[in-house]
Amino acid sequence: MRRGSRTGPAAEAQKLYRSACAVVQREFSANPSVAPSVTSVLGADKNEVEFGQQEIRLKKWDRNAFAQGVVMVAFGDLMHDRSAAMARRAVTWADQTLEVERAGH
């Protein structure tokens, strides 16, 4: 995990990061392990997650908001990796449905 401009308690942030990644991994039976690179930035105008930059921006250190941000980034990474396979499966299923419909007429 990379840290942004001002960071919260580093040891607590690392512990929360590992825990949040483990929760996402267990919830979605992810293999290999989930461990996205994230940057945490304190002193932001509002609490938010910037997915493109994988930043967790917090007004001030908030362990719950940080953990939620890590879960969101980890989930986004996990779904990004799976999205191409899911799209191919959707096309295959749609093609199979069309073939069955045509065969019935």
Protein backbone atom coordinates (compact mmCIF):
# COMPACT_ATOMS: atom_id res chain seq x y z
CA MET A 1 0.00 0.00 0.00
CA ARG A 2 1.37 3.39 -0.93
CA ARG A 3 0.62 6.41 1.19
CA GLY A 4 -0.48 9.82 0.01
CA SER A 5 0.46 13.25 1.26
CA ARG A 6 -0.53 12.92 4.91
CA THR A 7 -1.23 9.51 6.31
CA GLY A 8 -3.15 8.08 9.23
CA PRO A 9 -1.60 5.71 11.70
CA ALA A 10 0.52 3.56 9.39
CA ALA A 11 0.32 0.32 11.40
CA GLU A 12 -3.46 0.59 11.73
CA ALA A 13 -3.84 1.40 8.04
CA GLN A 14 -1.77 -1.67 7.07
CA LYS A 15 -3.80 -3.89 9.39
CA LEU A 16 -7.11 -2.56 8.02
CA TYR A 17 -5.85 -2.89 4.43
CA ARG A 18 -4.90 -6.55 4.90
CA SER A 19 -8.18 -7.30 6.66
CA ALA A 20 -10.33 -5.58 4.02
CA CYS A 21 -8.52 -7.42 1.20
CA ALA A 22 -8.98 -10.75 3.00
CA VAL A 23 -12.70 -10.10 3.44
CA VAL A 24 -13.15 -9.36 -0.28
CA GLN A 25 -11.09 -12.41 -1.21
CA ARG A 26 -13.15 -14.72 1.03
CA GLU A 27 -16.47 -13.19 0.01
CA PHE A 28 -15.82 -13.77 -3.69
CA SER A 29 -13.57 -16.84 -3.49
CA ALA A 30 -10.91 -14.89 -5.34
CA ASN A 31 -7.79 -16.58 -6.53
CA PRO A 32 -5.07 -15.27 -6.62
CA SER A 33 -5.13 -13.09 -3.57
CA VAL A 34 -6.67 -9.64 -3.65
CA ALA A 35 -4.10 -6.91 -2.95
CA PRO A 36 -4.62 -3.75 -5.00
CA SER A 37 -2.16 -0.90 -4.78
CA VAL A 38 -3.92 2.04 -3.12
CA THR A 39 -2.92 5.52 -2.09
CA SER A 40 -4.50 7.08 0.97
CA VAL A 41 -4.70 10.86 1.11
CA LEU A 42 -5.75 12.76 4.22
CA GLY A 43 -6.88 16.36 4.18
CA ALA A 44 -9.16 15.97 1.15
CA ASP A 45 -12.23 18.17 0.67
CA LYS A 46 -14.50 15.14 1.12
CA ASN A 47 -14.31 11.41 1.73
CA GLU A 48 -14.22 9.65 -1.61
CA VAL A 49 -12.61 6.90 -3.65
CA GLU A 50 -10.97 7.81 -6.95
CA PHE A 51 -11.01 4.50 -8.82
CA GLY A 52 -8.88 5.61 -11.76
CA GLN A 53 -6.02 6.57 -9.47
CA GLN A 54 -6.93 4.00 -6.81
CA GLU A 55 -6.91 6.70 -4.15
CA ILE A 56 -8.82 6.74 -0.90
CA ARG A 57 -9.29 10.41 -0.07
CA LEU A 58 -10.34 11.26 3.47
CA LYS A 59 -11.00 14.58 5.18
CA LYS A 60 -9.37 13.13 8.30
CA TRP A 61 -8.31 9.67 9.44
CA ASP A 62 -11.38 7.46 9.78
CA ARG A 63 -10.70 3.75 10.08
CA ASN A 64 -14.20 2.75 8.91
CA ALA A 65 -14.10 5.02 5.86
CA PHE A 66 -10.58 3.79 5.02
CA ALA A 67 -11.62 0.11 5.27
CA GLN A 68 -14.68 0.81 3.12
CA GLY A 69 -12.46 2.50 0.54
CA VAL A 70 -10.10 -0.47 0.45
CA VAL A 71 -13.06 -2.85 0.00
CA MET A 72 -14.37 -0.72 -2.87
CA VAL A 73 -10.99 -0.61 -4.64
CA ALA A 74 -10.37 -4.33 -4.07
CA PHE A 75 -13.85 -5.20 -5.36
CA GLY A 76 -13.32 -2.95 -8.39
CA ASP A 77 -10.03 -4.68 -9.20
CA LEU A 78 -11.57 -8.09 -8.76
CA MET A 79 -14.51 -7.27 -11.02
CA HIS A 80 -12.26 -5.65 -13.62
CA ASP A 81 -10.28 -8.88 -13.88
CA ARG A 82 -13.45 -10.92 -14.25
CA SER A 83 -15.42 -8.56 -16.51
CA ALA A 84 -13.95 -9.75 -19.85
CA ALA A 85 -14.70 -13.38 -19.02
CA MET A 86 -18.21 -12.46 -17.88
CA ALA A 87 -18.83 -10.49 -21.08
CA ARG A 88 -17.70 -13.44 -23.24
CA ARG A 89 -20.00 -15.74 -21.27
CA ALA A 90 -22.92 -13.34 -21.74
CA VAL A 91 -22.35 -13.28 -25.52
CA THR A 92 -22.13 -17.08 -25.62
CA TRP A 93 -25.34 -17.45 -23.63
CA ALA A 94 -27.12 -14.93 -25.85
CA ASP A 95 -25.95 -16.78 -28.99
CA GLN A 96 -27.15 -20.09 -27.57
CA THR A 97 -30.54 -18.58 -26.74
CA LEU A 98 -30.89 -17.17 -30.27
CA GLU A 99 -30.01 -20.54 -31.83
CA VAL A 100 -32.64 -22.34 -29.72
CA GLU A 101 -35.25 -19.71 -30.63
CA ARG A 102 -34.46 -20.05 -34.35
CA ALA A 103 -34.59 -23.86 -34.16
CA GLY A 104 -38.09 -23.65 -32.71
CA HIS A 105 -39.50 -21.76 -35.70
